[in-house]
Amino acid sequence: AAAHHISRSYLYRLFQAEGIAVSSYIRD
């Protein structure tokens, strides 16, 4: 989130729209 100058909550919403949590995307 910091690297893209957005809040963590906005980052979470972006990935929720794709049906996955950002932490799960990184792990997978």
mmCIF file of all heavy atoms, coordinates in Angstrom:
data_MODEL
# 
_entry.id   MODEL 
# 
loop_
_atom_site.group_PDB 
_atom_site.id 
_atom_site.type_symbol 
_atom_site.label_atom_id 
_atom_site.label_alt_id 
_atom_site.label_comp_id 
_atom_site.label_asym_id 
_atom_site.label_entity_id 
_atom_site.label_seq_id 
_atom_site.pdbx_PDB_ins_code 
_atom_site.Cartn_x 
_atom_site.Cartn_y 
_atom_site.Cartn_z 
_atom_site.occupancy 
_atom_site.B_iso_or_equiv 
_atom_site.pdbx_formal_charge 
_atom_site.auth_seq_id 
_atom_site.auth_comp_id 
_atom_site.auth_asym_id 
_atom_site.auth_atom_id 
_atom_site.pdbx_PDB_model_num 
ATOM 1   N N   . ALA A 1 1  ? 0.825   -1.206  0.000   1.00 0.00 ? 1  ALA A N   1 
ATOM 2   C CA  . ALA A 1 1  ? 0.000   0.000   0.000   1.00 0.00 ? 1  ALA A CA  1 
ATOM 3   C C   . ALA A 1 1  ? 0.861   1.257   0.000   1.00 0.00 ? 1  ALA A C   1 
ATOM 4   O O   . ALA A 1 1  ? 0.600   2.209   -0.753  1.00 0.00 ? 1  ALA A O   1 
ATOM 5   C CB  . ALA A 1 1  ? -0.930  -0.016  1.210   1.00 0.00 ? 1  ALA A CB  1 
ATOM 6   N N   . ALA A 1 2  ? 1.902   1.266   0.834   1.00 0.00 ? 2  ALA A N   1 
ATOM 7   C CA  . ALA A 1 2  ? 2.769   2.437   0.915   1.00 0.00 ? 2  ALA A CA  1 
ATOM 8   C C   . ALA A 1 2  ? 3.484   2.699   -0.405  1.00 0.00 ? 2  ALA A C   1 
ATOM 9   O O   . ALA A 1 2  ? 3.652   3.852   -0.820  1.00 0.00 ? 2  ALA A O   1 
ATOM 10  C CB  . ALA A 1 2  ? 3.784   2.247   2.034   1.00 0.00 ? 2  ALA A CB  1 
ATOM 11  N N   . ALA A 1 3  ? 3.903   1.626   -1.080  1.00 0.00 ? 3  ALA A N   1 
ATOM 12  C CA  . ALA A 1 3  ? 4.618   1.784   -2.347  1.00 0.00 ? 3  ALA A CA  1 
ATOM 13  C C   . ALA A 1 3  ? 3.740   2.401   -3.420  1.00 0.00 ? 3  ALA A C   1 
ATOM 14  O O   . ALA A 1 3  ? 4.244   2.983   -4.391  1.00 0.00 ? 3  ALA A O   1 
ATOM 15  C CB  . ALA A 1 3  ? 5.150   0.428   -2.815  1.00 0.00 ? 3  ALA A CB  1 
ATOM 16  N N   . HIS A 1 4  ? 2.421   2.272   -3.256  1.00 0.00 ? 4  HIS A N   1 
ATOM 17  C CA  . HIS A 1 4  ? 1.507   2.799   -4.270  1.00 0.00 ? 4  HIS A CA  1 
ATOM 18  C C   . HIS A 1 4  ? 0.704   3.992   -3.751  1.00 0.00 ? 4  HIS A C   1 
ATOM 19  O O   . HIS A 1 4  ? -0.269  4.417   -4.388  1.00 0.00 ? 4  HIS A O   1 
ATOM 20  C CB  . HIS A 1 4  ? 0.570   1.680   -4.748  1.00 0.00 ? 4  HIS A CB  1 
ATOM 21  C CG  . HIS A 1 4  ? 1.290   0.613   -5.514  1.00 0.00 ? 4  HIS A CG  1 
ATOM 22  N ND1 . HIS A 1 4  ? 1.943   -0.434  -4.891  1.00 0.00 ? 4  HIS A ND1 1 
ATOM 23  C CD2 . HIS A 1 4  ? 1.511   0.454   -6.847  1.00 0.00 ? 4  HIS A CD2 1 
ATOM 24  C CE1 . HIS A 1 4  ? 2.516   -1.201  -5.806  1.00 0.00 ? 4  HIS A CE1 1 
ATOM 25  N NE2 . HIS A 1 4  ? 2.268   -0.681  -6.999  1.00 0.00 ? 4  HIS A NE2 1 
ATOM 26  N N   . HIS A 1 5  ? 1.097   4.489   -2.584  1.00 0.00 ? 5  HIS A N   1 
ATOM 27  C CA  . HIS A 1 5  ? 0.520   5.717   -2.016  1.00 0.00 ? 5  HIS A CA  1 
ATOM 28  C C   . HIS A 1 5  ? -0.997  5.595   -1.828  1.00 0.00 ? 5  HIS A C   1 
ATOM 29  O O   . HIS A 1 5  ? -1.757  6.517   -2.141  1.00 0.00 ? 5  HIS A O   1 
ATOM 30  C CB  . HIS A 1 5  ? 0.850   6.922   -2.904  1.00 0.00 ? 5  HIS A CB  1 
ATOM 31  C CG  . HIS A 1 5  ? 2.302   7.028   -3.241  1.00 0.00 ? 5  HIS A CG  1 
ATOM 32  N ND1 . HIS A 1 5  ? 3.262   7.356   -2.305  1.00 0.00 ? 5  HIS A ND1 1 
ATOM 33  C CD2 . HIS A 1 5  ? 2.972   6.809   -4.412  1.00 0.00 ? 5  HIS A CD2 1 
ATOM 34  C CE1 . HIS A 1 5  ? 4.451   7.352   -2.889  1.00 0.00 ? 5  HIS A CE1 1 
ATOM 35  N NE2 . HIS A 1 5  ? 4.305   7.020   -4.160  1.00 0.00 ? 5  HIS A NE2 1 
ATOM 36  N N   . ILE A 1 6  ? -1.412  4.425   -1.335  1.00 0.00 ? 6  ILE A N   1 
ATOM 37  C CA  . ILE A 1 6  ? -2.826  4.208   -1.022  1.00 0.00 ? 6  ILE A CA  1 
ATOM 38  C C   . ILE A 1 6  ? -2.926  3.634   0.385   1.00 0.00 ? 6  ILE A C   1 
ATOM 39  O O   . ILE A 1 6  ? -1.935  3.148   0.949   1.00 0.00 ? 6  ILE A O   1 
ATOM 40  C CB  . ILE A 1 6  ? -3.502  3.243   -2.023  1.00 0.00 ? 6  ILE A CB  1 
ATOM 41  C CG1 . ILE A 1 6  ? -2.808  1.880   -2.015  1.00 0.00 ? 6  ILE A CG1 1 
ATOM 42  C CG2 . ILE A 1 6  ? -3.527  3.848   -3.424  1.00 0.00 ? 6  ILE A CG2 1 
ATOM 43  C CD1 . ILE A 1 6  ? -3.476  0.842   -2.911  1.00 0.00 ? 6  ILE A CD1 1 
ATOM 44  N N   . SER A 1 7  ? -4.115  3.680   0.953   1.00 0.00 ? 7  SER A N   1 
ATOM 45  C CA  . SER A 1 7  ? -4.310  3.112   2.290   1.00 0.00 ? 7  SER A CA  1 
ATOM 46  C C   . SER A 1 7  ? -4.454  1.596   2.202   1.00 0.00 ? 7  SER A C   1 
ATOM 47  O O   . SER A 1 7  ? -4.797  1.043   1.148   1.00 0.00 ? 7  SER A O   1 
ATOM 48  C CB  . SER A 1 7  ? -5.573  3.702   2.932   1.00 0.00 ? 7  SER A CB  1 
ATOM 49  O OG  . SER A 1 7  ? -6.729  3.265   2.233   1.00 0.00 ? 7  SER A OG  1 
ATOM 50  N N   . ARG A 1 8  ? -4.193  0.916   3.318   1.00 0.00 ? 8  ARG A N   1 
ATOM 51  C CA  . ARG A 1 8  ? -4.362  -0.527  3.336   1.00 0.00 ? 8  ARG A CA  1 
ATOM 52  C C   . ARG A 1 8  ? -5.824  -0.911  3.087   1.00 0.00 ? 8  ARG A C   1 
ATOM 53  O O   . ARG A 1 8  ? -6.104  -1.914  2.421   1.00 0.00 ? 8  ARG A O   1 
ATOM 54  C CB  . ARG A 1 8  ? -3.882  -1.113  4.663   1.00 0.00 ? 8  ARG A CB  1 
ATOM 55  C CG  . ARG A 1 8  ? -2.371  -1.367  4.688   1.00 0.00 ? 8  ARG A CG  1 
ATOM 56  C CD  . ARG A 1 8  ? -1.932  -1.983  5.982   1.00 0.00 ? 8  ARG A CD  1 
ATOM 57  N NE  . ARG A 1 8  ? -1.997  -1.015  7.078   1.00 0.00 ? 8  ARG A NE  1 
ATOM 58  C CZ  . ARG A 1 8  ? -1.750  -1.307  8.348   1.00 0.00 ? 8  ARG A CZ  1 
ATOM 59  N NH1 . ARG A 1 8  ? -1.434  -2.534  8.695   1.00 0.00 ? 8  ARG A NH1 1 
ATOM 60  N NH2 . ARG A 1 8  ? -1.812  -0.370  9.271   1.00 0.00 ? 8  ARG A NH2 1 
ATOM 61  N N   . SER A 1 9  ? -6.742  -0.132  3.599   1.00 0.00 ? 9  SER A N   1 
ATOM 62  C CA  . SER A 1 9  ? -8.150  -0.462  3.410   1.00 0.00 ? 9  SER A CA  1 
ATOM 63  C C   . SER A 1 9  ? -8.530  -0.391  1.923   1.00 0.00 ? 9  SER A C   1 
ATOM 64  O O   . SER A 1 9  ? -9.299  -1.227  1.432   1.00 0.00 ? 9  SER A O   1 
ATOM 65  C CB  . SER A 1 9  ? -9.040  0.475   4.231   1.00 0.00 ? 9  SER A CB  1 
ATOM 66  O OG  . SER A 1 9  ? -8.838  1.827   3.850   1.00 0.00 ? 9  SER A OG  1 
ATOM 67  N N   . TYR A 1 10 ? -7.968  0.598   1.204   1.00 0.00 ? 10 TYR A N   1 
ATOM 68  C CA  . TYR A 1 10 ? -8.251  0.688   -0.230  1.00 0.00 ? 10 TYR A CA  1 
ATOM 69  C C   . TYR A 1 10 ? -7.607  -0.479  -0.969  1.00 0.00 ? 10 TYR A C   1 
ATOM 70  O O   . TYR A 1 10 ? -8.198  -1.056  -1.894  1.00 0.00 ? 10 TYR A O   1 
ATOM 71  C CB  . TYR A 1 10 ? -7.752  2.019   -0.784  1.00 0.00 ? 10 TYR A CB  1 
ATOM 72  C CG  . TYR A 1 10 ? -8.084  2.229   -2.243  1.00 0.00 ? 10 TYR A CG  1 
ATOM 73  C CD1 . TYR A 1 10 ? -9.387  2.079   -2.711  1.00 0.00 ? 10 TYR A CD1 1 
ATOM 74  C CD2 . TYR A 1 10 ? -7.100  2.589   -3.164  1.00 0.00 ? 10 TYR A CD2 1 
ATOM 75  C CE1 . TYR A 1 10 ? -9.695  2.269   -4.051  1.00 0.00 ? 10 TYR A CE1 1 
ATOM 76  C CE2 . TYR A 1 10 ? -7.402  2.783   -4.504  1.00 0.00 ? 10 TYR A CE2 1 
ATOM 77  C CZ  . TYR A 1 10 ? -8.700  2.622   -4.936  1.00 0.00 ? 10 TYR A CZ  1 
ATOM 78  O OH  . TYR A 1 10 ? -9.007  2.807   -6.253  1.00 0.00 ? 10 TYR A OH  1 
ATOM 79  N N   . LEU A 1 11 ? -6.397  -0.864  -0.553  1.00 0.00 ? 11 LEU A N   1 
ATOM 80  C CA  . LEU A 1 11 ? -5.732  -2.031  -1.143  1.00 0.00 ? 11 LEU A CA  1 
ATOM 81  C C   . LEU A 1 11 ? -6.595  -3.276  -0.949  1.00 0.00 ? 11 LEU A C   1 
ATOM 82  O O   . LEU A 1 11 ? -6.777  -4.065  -1.884  1.00 0.00 ? 11 LEU A O   1 
ATOM 83  C CB  . LEU A 1 11 ? -4.360  -2.231  -0.495  1.00 0.00 ? 11 LEU A CB  1 
ATOM 84  C CG  . LEU A 1 11 ? -3.588  -3.490  -0.919  1.00 0.00 ? 11 LEU A CG  1 
ATOM 85  C CD1 . LEU A 1 11 ? -3.175  -3.402  -2.389  1.00 0.00 ? 11 LEU A CD1 1 
ATOM 86  C CD2 . LEU A 1 11 ? -2.359  -3.690  -0.030  1.00 0.00 ? 11 LEU A CD2 1 
ATOM 87  N N   . TYR A 1 12 ? -7.118  -3.461  0.257   1.00 0.00 ? 12 TYR A N   1 
ATOM 88  C CA  . TYR A 1 12 ? -7.965  -4.624  0.528   1.00 0.00 ? 12 TYR A CA  1 
ATOM 89  C C   . TYR A 1 12 ? -9.200  -4.616  -0.375  1.00 0.00 ? 12 TYR A C   1 
ATOM 90  O O   . TYR A 1 12 ? -9.607  -5.657  -0.898  1.00 0.00 ? 12 TYR A O   1 
ATOM 91  C CB  . TYR A 1 12 ? -8.403  -4.644  1.991   1.00 0.00 ? 12 TYR A CB  1 
ATOM 92  C CG  . TYR A 1 12 ? -7.265  -4.807  2.981   1.00 0.00 ? 12 TYR A CG  1 
ATOM 93  C CD1 . TYR A 1 12 ? -7.338  -4.238  4.246   1.00 0.00 ? 12 TYR A CD1 1 
ATOM 94  C CD2 . TYR A 1 12 ? -6.126  -5.531  2.641   1.00 0.00 ? 12 TYR A CD2 1 
ATOM 95  C CE1 . TYR A 1 12 ? -6.305  -4.377  5.157   1.00 0.00 ? 12 TYR A CE1 1 
ATOM 96  C CE2 . TYR A 1 12 ? -5.081  -5.668  3.551   1.00 0.00 ? 12 TYR A CE2 1 
ATOM 97  C CZ  . TYR A 1 12 ? -5.170  -5.089  4.805   1.00 0.00 ? 12 TYR A CZ  1 
ATOM 98  O OH  . TYR A 1 12 ? -4.142  -5.237  5.699   1.00 0.00 ? 12 TYR A OH  1 
ATOM 99  N N   . ARG A 1 13 ? -9.786  -3.449  -0.591  1.00 0.00 ? 13 ARG A N   1 
ATOM 100 C CA  . ARG A 1 13 ? -10.987 -3.368  -1.428  1.00 0.00 ? 13 ARG A CA  1 
ATOM 101 C C   . ARG A 1 13 ? -10.671 -3.725  -2.883  1.00 0.00 ? 13 ARG A C   1 
ATOM 102 O O   . ARG A 1 13 ? -11.484 -4.367  -3.561  1.00 0.00 ? 13 ARG A O   1 
ATOM 103 C CB  . ARG A 1 13 ? -11.599 -1.967  -1.361  1.00 0.00 ? 13 ARG A CB  1 
ATOM 104 C CG  . ARG A 1 13 ? -12.268 -1.657  -0.028  1.00 0.00 ? 13 ARG A CG  1 
ATOM 105 C CD  . ARG A 1 13 ? -13.235 -0.478  -0.149  1.00 0.00 ? 13 ARG A CD  1 
ATOM 106 N NE  . ARG A 1 13 ? -12.576 0.751   -0.574  1.00 0.00 ? 13 ARG A NE  1 
ATOM 107 C CZ  . ARG A 1 13 ? -12.005 1.616   0.239   1.00 0.00 ? 13 ARG A CZ  1 
ATOM 108 N NH1 . ARG A 1 13 ? -11.964 1.381   1.559   1.00 0.00 ? 13 ARG A NH1 1 
ATOM 109 N NH2 . ARG A 1 13 ? -11.448 2.729   -0.220  1.00 0.00 ? 13 ARG A NH2 1 
ATOM 110 N N   . LEU A 1 14 ? -9.497  -3.315  -3.372  1.00 0.00 ? 14 LEU A N   1 
ATOM 111 C CA  . LEU A 1 14 ? -9.109  -3.647  -4.744  1.00 0.00 ? 14 LEU A CA  1 
ATOM 112 C C   . LEU A 1 14 ? -9.046  -5.153  -4.944  1.00 0.00 ? 14 LEU A C   1 
ATOM 113 O O   . LEU A 1 14 ? -9.518  -5.684  -5.964  1.00 0.00 ? 14 LEU A O   1 
ATOM 114 C CB  . LEU A 1 14 ? -7.746  -3.026  -5.081  1.00 0.00 ? 14 LEU A CB  1 
ATOM 115 C CG  . LEU A 1 14 ? -7.689  -1.509  -5.267  1.00 0.00 ? 14 LEU A CG  1 
ATOM 116 C CD1 . LEU A 1 14 ? -6.248  -1.058  -5.441  1.00 0.00 ? 14 LEU A CD1 1 
ATOM 117 C CD2 . LEU A 1 14 ? -8.533  -1.061  -6.462  1.00 0.00 ? 14 LEU A CD2 1 
ATOM 118 N N   . PHE A 1 15 ? -8.475  -5.861  -3.986  1.00 0.00 ? 15 PHE A N   1 
ATOM 119 C CA  . PHE A 1 15 ? -8.342  -7.311  -4.122  1.00 0.00 ? 15 PHE A CA  1 
ATOM 120 C C   . PHE A 1 15 ? -9.654  -8.028  -3.798  1.00 0.00 ? 15 PHE A C   1 
ATOM 121 O O   . PHE A 1 15 ? -9.930  -9.091  -4.364  1.00 0.00 ? 15 PHE A O   1 
ATOM 122 C CB  . PHE A 1 15 ? -7.192  -7.828  -3.259  1.00 0.00 ? 15 PHE A CB  1 
ATOM 123 C CG  . PHE A 1 15 ? -5.856  -7.691  -3.929  1.00 0.00 ? 15 PHE A CG  1 
ATOM 124 C CD1 . PHE A 1 15 ? -5.208  -6.463  -3.972  1.00 0.00 ? 15 PHE A CD1 1 
ATOM 125 C CD2 . PHE A 1 15 ? -5.252  -8.761  -4.553  1.00 0.00 ? 15 PHE A CD2 1 
ATOM 126 C CE1 . PHE A 1 15 ? -3.987  -6.313  -4.618  1.00 0.00 ? 15 PHE A CE1 1 
ATOM 127 C CE2 . PHE A 1 15 ? -4.032  -8.636  -5.199  1.00 0.00 ? 15 PHE A CE2 1 
ATOM 128 C CZ  . PHE A 1 15 ? -3.398  -7.408  -5.233  1.00 0.00 ? 15 PHE A CZ  1 
ATOM 129 N N   . GLN A 1 16 ? -10.456 -7.469  -2.904  1.00 0.00 ? 16 GLN A N   1 
ATOM 130 C CA  . GLN A 1 16 ? -11.767 -8.054  -2.638  1.00 0.00 ? 16 GLN A CA  1 
ATOM 131 C C   . GLN A 1 16 ? -12.615 -8.065  -3.900  1.00 0.00 ? 16 GLN A C   1 
ATOM 132 O O   . GLN A 1 16 ? -13.403 -8.993  -4.128  1.00 0.00 ? 16 GLN A O   1 
ATOM 133 C CB  . GLN A 1 16 ? -12.473 -7.270  -1.530  1.00 0.00 ? 16 GLN A CB  1 
ATOM 134 C CG  . GLN A 1 16 ? -11.918 -7.557  -0.132  1.00 0.00 ? 16 GLN A CG  1 
ATOM 135 C CD  . GLN A 1 16 ? -12.462 -6.596  0.914   1.00 0.00 ? 16 GLN A CD  1 
ATOM 136 O OE1 . GLN A 1 16 ? -13.236 -5.687  0.600   1.00 0.00 ? 16 GLN A OE1 1 
ATOM 137 N NE2 . GLN A 1 16 ? -12.048 -6.791  2.163   1.00 0.00 ? 16 GLN A NE2 1 
ATOM 138 N N   . ALA A 1 17 ? -12.447 -7.038  -4.737  1.00 0.00 ? 17 ALA A N   1 
ATOM 139 C CA  . ALA A 1 17 ? -13.188 -6.985  -6.000  1.00 0.00 ? 17 ALA A CA  1 
ATOM 140 C C   . ALA A 1 17 ? -12.802 -8.137  -6.916  1.00 0.00 ? 17 ALA A C   1 
ATOM 141 O O   . ALA A 1 17 ? -13.560 -8.499  -7.825  1.00 0.00 ? 17 ALA A O   1 
ATOM 142 C CB  . ALA A 1 17 ? -12.935 -5.650  -6.701  1.00 0.00 ? 17 ALA A CB  1 
ATOM 143 N N   . GLU A 1 18 ? -11.623 -8.729  -6.695  1.00 0.00 ? 18 GLU A N   1 
ATOM 144 C CA  . GLU A 1 18 ? -11.172 -9.864  -7.494  1.00 0.00 ? 18 GLU A CA  1 
ATOM 145 C C   . GLU A 1 18 ? -11.393 -11.182 -6.766  1.00 0.00 ? 18 GLU A C   1 
ATOM 146 O O   . GLU A 1 18 ? -10.974 -12.251 -7.234  1.00 0.00 ? 18 GLU A O   1 
ATOM 147 C CB  . GLU A 1 18 ? -9.692  -9.694  -7.840  1.00 0.00 ? 18 GLU A CB  1 
ATOM 148 C CG  . GLU A 1 18 ? -9.404  -8.396  -8.566  1.00 0.00 ? 18 GLU A CG  1 
ATOM 149 C CD  . GLU A 1 18 ? -8.366  -8.552  -9.643  1.00 0.00 ? 18 GLU A CD  1 
ATOM 150 O OE1 . GLU A 1 18 ? -7.589  -9.524  -9.590  1.00 0.00 ? 18 GLU A OE1 1 
ATOM 151 O OE2 . GLU A 1 18 ? -8.346  -7.711  -10.558 1.00 0.00 ? 18 GLU A OE2 1 
ATOM 152 N N   . GLY A 1 19 ? -12.018 -11.118 -5.595  1.00 0.00 ? 19 GLY A N   1 
ATOM 153 C CA  . GLY A 1 19 ? -12.364 -12.329 -4.866  1.00 0.00 ? 19 GLY A CA  1 
ATOM 154 C C   . GLY A 1 19 ? -11.232 -12.970 -4.102  1.00 0.00 ? 19 GLY A C   1 
ATOM 155 O O   . GLY A 1 19 ? -11.269 -14.181 -3.830  1.00 0.00 ? 19 GLY A O   1 
ATOM 156 N N   . ILE A 1 20 ? -10.224 -12.192 -3.721  1.00 0.00 ? 20 ILE A N   1 
ATOM 157 C CA  . ILE A 1 20 ? -9.089  -12.752 -2.994  1.00 0.00 ? 20 ILE A CA  1 
ATOM 158 C C   . ILE A 1 20 ? -8.513  -11.692 -2.066  1.00 0.00 ? 20 ILE A C   1 
ATOM 159 O O   . ILE A 1 20 ? -8.574  -10.495 -2.362  1.00 0.00 ? 20 ILE A O   1 
ATOM 160 C CB  . ILE A 1 20 ? -7.992  -13.272 -3.964  1.00 0.00 ? 20 ILE A CB  1 
ATOM 161 C CG1 . ILE A 1 20 ? -6.909  -14.041 -3.203  1.00 0.00 ? 20 ILE A CG1 1 
ATOM 162 C CG2 . ILE A 1 20 ? -7.392  -12.121 -4.766  1.00 0.00 ? 20 ILE A CG2 1 
ATOM 163 C CD1 . ILE A 1 20 ? -5.909  -14.728 -4.113  1.00 0.00 ? 20 ILE A CD1 1 
ATOM 164 N N   . ALA A 1 21 ? -7.977  -12.134 -0.935  1.00 0.00 ? 21 ALA A N   1 
ATOM 165 C CA  . ALA A 1 21 ? -7.299  -11.215 -0.023  1.00 0.00 ? 21 ALA A CA  1 
ATOM 166 C C   . ALA A 1 21 ? -5.882  -10.975 -0.524  1.00 0.00 ? 21 ALA A C   1 
ATOM 167 O O   . ALA A 1 21 ? -5.248  -11.873 -1.084  1.00 0.00 ? 21 ALA A O   1 
ATOM 168 C CB  . ALA A 1 21 ? -7.271  -11.798 1.386   1.00 0.00 ? 21 ALA A CB  1 
ATOM 169 N N   . VAL A 1 22 ? -5.356  -9.775  -0.319  1.00 0.00 ? 22 VAL A N   1 
ATOM 170 C CA  . VAL A 1 22 ? -4.025  -9.468  -0.826  1.00 0.00 ? 22 VAL A CA  1 
ATOM 171 C C   . VAL A 1 22 ? -2.973  -10.369 -0.194  1.00 0.00 ? 22 VAL A C   1 
ATOM 172 O O   . VAL A 1 22 ? -2.026  -10.813 -0.861  1.00 0.00 ? 22 VAL A O   1 
ATOM 173 C CB  . VAL A 1 22 ? -3.689  -7.968  -0.613  1.00 0.00 ? 22 VAL A CB  1 
ATOM 174 C CG1 . VAL A 1 22 ? -3.699  -7.605  0.861   1.00 0.00 ? 22 VAL A CG1 1 
ATOM 175 C CG2 . VAL A 1 22 ? -2.354  -7.621  -1.252  1.00 0.00 ? 22 VAL A CG2 1 
ATOM 176 N N   . SER A 1 23 ? -3.112  -10.681 1.104   1.00 0.00 ? 23 SER A N   1 
ATOM 177 C CA  . SER A 1 23 ? -2.145  -11.575 1.754   1.00 0.00 ? 23 SER A CA  1 
ATOM 178 C C   . SER A 1 23 ? -2.196  -12.968 1.143   1.00 0.00 ? 23 SER A C   1 
ATOM 179 O O   . SER A 1 23 ? -1.151  -13.630 0.978   1.00 0.00 ? 23 SER A O   1 
ATOM 180 C CB  . SER A 1 23 ? -2.415  -11.645 3.258   1.00 0.00 ? 23 SER A CB  1 
ATOM 181 O OG  . SER A 1 23 ? -3.742  -12.066 3.513   1.00 0.00 ? 23 SER A OG  1 
ATOM 182 N N   . SER A 1 24 ? -3.392  -13.429 0.768   1.00 0.00 ? 24 SER A N   1 
ATOM 183 C CA  . SER A 1 24 ? -3.526  -14.736 0.123   1.00 0.00 ? 24 SER A CA  1 
ATOM 184 C C   . SER A 1 24 ? -2.893  -14.717 -1.265  1.00 0.00 ? 24 SER A C   1 
ATOM 185 O O   . SER A 1 24 ? -2.269  -15.700 -1.688  1.00 0.00 ? 24 SER A O   1 
ATOM 186 C CB  . SER A 1 24 ? -4.997  -15.134 0.016   1.00 0.00 ? 24 SER A CB  1 
ATOM 187 O OG  . SER A 1 24 ? -5.579  -15.260 1.292   1.00 0.00 ? 24 SER A OG  1 
ATOM 188 N N   . TYR A 1 25 ? -3.044  -13.603 -1.984  1.00 0.00 ? 25 TYR A N   1 
ATOM 189 C CA  . TYR A 1 25 ? -2.435  -13.489 -3.308  1.00 0.00 ? 25 TYR A CA  1 
ATOM 190 C C   . TYR A 1 25 ? -0.912  -13.592 -3.207  1.00 0.00 ? 25 TYR A C   1 
ATOM 191 O O   . TYR A 1 25 ? -0.268  -14.307 -3.980  1.00 0.00 ? 25 TYR A O   1 
ATOM 192 C CB  . TYR A 1 25 ? -2.832  -12.165 -3.958  1.00 0.00 ? 25 TYR A CB  1 
ATOM 193 C CG  . TYR A 1 25 ? -2.270  -11.977 -5.344  1.00 0.00 ? 25 TYR A CG  1 
ATOM 194 C CD1 . TYR A 1 25 ? -2.866  -12.555 -6.450  1.00 0.00 ? 25 TYR A CD1 1 
ATOM 195 C CD2 . TYR A 1 25 ? -1.108  -11.225 -5.542  1.00 0.00 ? 25 TYR A CD2 1 
ATOM 196 C CE1 . TYR A 1 25 ? -2.341  -12.397 -7.721  1.00 0.00 ? 25 TYR A CE1 1 
ATOM 197 C CE2 . TYR A 1 25 ? -0.569  -11.070 -6.809  1.00 0.00 ? 25 TYR A CE2 1 
ATOM 198 C CZ  . TYR A 1 25 ? -1.190  -11.648 -7.892  1.00 0.00 ? 25 TYR A CZ  1 
ATOM 199 O OH  . TYR A 1 25 ? -0.651  -11.496 -9.153  1.00 0.00 ? 25 TYR A OH  1 
ATOM 200 N N   . ILE A 1 26 ? -0.340  -12.885 -2.234  1.00 0.00 ? 26 ILE A N   1 
ATOM 201 C CA  . ILE A 1 26 ? 1.117   -12.931 -2.046  1.00 0.00 ? 26 ILE A CA  1 
ATOM 202 C C   . ILE A 1 26 ? 1.555   -14.355 -1.705  1.00 0.00 ? 26 ILE A C   1 
ATOM 203 O O   . ILE A 1 26 ? 2.509   -14.884 -2.279  1.00 0.00 ? 26 ILE A O   1 
ATOM 204 C CB  . ILE A 1 26 ? 1.547   -11.956 -0.926  1.00 0.00 ? 26 ILE A CB  1 
ATOM 205 C CG1 . ILE A 1 26 ? 1.298   -10.508 -1.370  1.00 0.00 ? 26 ILE A CG1 1 
ATOM 206 C CG2 . ILE A 1 26 ? 3.015   -12.159 -0.567  1.00 0.00 ? 26 ILE A CG2 1 
ATOM 207 C CD1 . ILE A 1 26 ? 1.491   -9.490  -0.262  1.00 0.00 ? 26 ILE A CD1 1 
ATOM 208 N N   . ARG A 1 27 ? 0.860   -14.992 -0.750  1.00 0.00 ? 27 ARG A N   1 
ATOM 209 C CA  . ARG A 1 27 ? 1.224   -16.352 -0.353  1.00 0.00 ? 27 ARG A CA  1 
ATOM 210 C C   . ARG A 1 27 ? 1.122   -17.321 -1.525  1.00 0.00 ? 27 ARG A C   1 
ATOM 211 O O   . ARG A 1 27 ? 2.028   -18.135 -1.766  1.00 0.00 ? 27 ARG A O   1 
ATOM 212 C CB  . ARG A 1 27 ? 0.307   -16.813 0.784   1.00 0.00 ? 27 ARG A CB  1 
ATOM 213 C CG  . ARG A 1 27 ? 0.608   -18.231 1.305   1.00 0.00 ? 27 ARG A CG  1 
ATOM 214 C CD  . ARG A 1 27 ? -0.566  -18.796 2.064   1.00 0.00 ? 27 ARG A CD  1 
ATOM 215 N NE  . ARG A 1 27 ? -1.728  -18.933 1.188   1.00 0.00 ? 27 ARG A NE  1 
ATOM 216 C CZ  . ARG A 1 27 ? -2.957  -18.577 1.536   1.00 0.00 ? 27 ARG A CZ  1 
ATOM 217 N NH1 . ARG A 1 27 ? -3.202  -18.030 2.719   1.00 0.00 ? 27 ARG A NH1 1 
ATOM 218 N NH2 . ARG A 1 27 ? -3.958  -18.750 0.682   1.00 0.00 ? 27 ARG A NH2 1 
ATOM 219 N N   . ASP A 1 28 ? 0.030   -17.244 -2.287  1.00 0.00 ? 28 ASP A N   1 
ATOM 220 C CA  . ASP A 1 28 ? -0.172  -18.186 -3.379  1.00 0.00 ? 28 ASP A CA  1 
ATOM 221 C C   . ASP A 1 28 ? 0.851   -18.008 -4.487  1.00 0.00 ? 28 ASP A C   1 
ATOM 222 O O   . ASP A 1 28 ? 1.320   -18.987 -5.080  1.00 0.00 ? 28 ASP A O   1 
ATOM 223 C CB  . ASP A 1 28 ? -1.588  -18.031 -3.956  1.00 0.00 ? 28 ASP A CB  1 
ATOM 224 C CG  . ASP A 1 28 ? -2.666  -18.508 -2.988  1.00 0.00 ? 28 ASP A CG  1 
ATOM 225 O OD1 . ASP A 1 28 ? -2.308  -19.143 -1.972  1.00 0.00 ? 28 ASP A OD1 1 
ATOM 226 O OD2 . ASP A 1 28 ? -3.856  -18.243 -3.246  1.00 0.00 ? 28 ASP A OD2 1 
# 
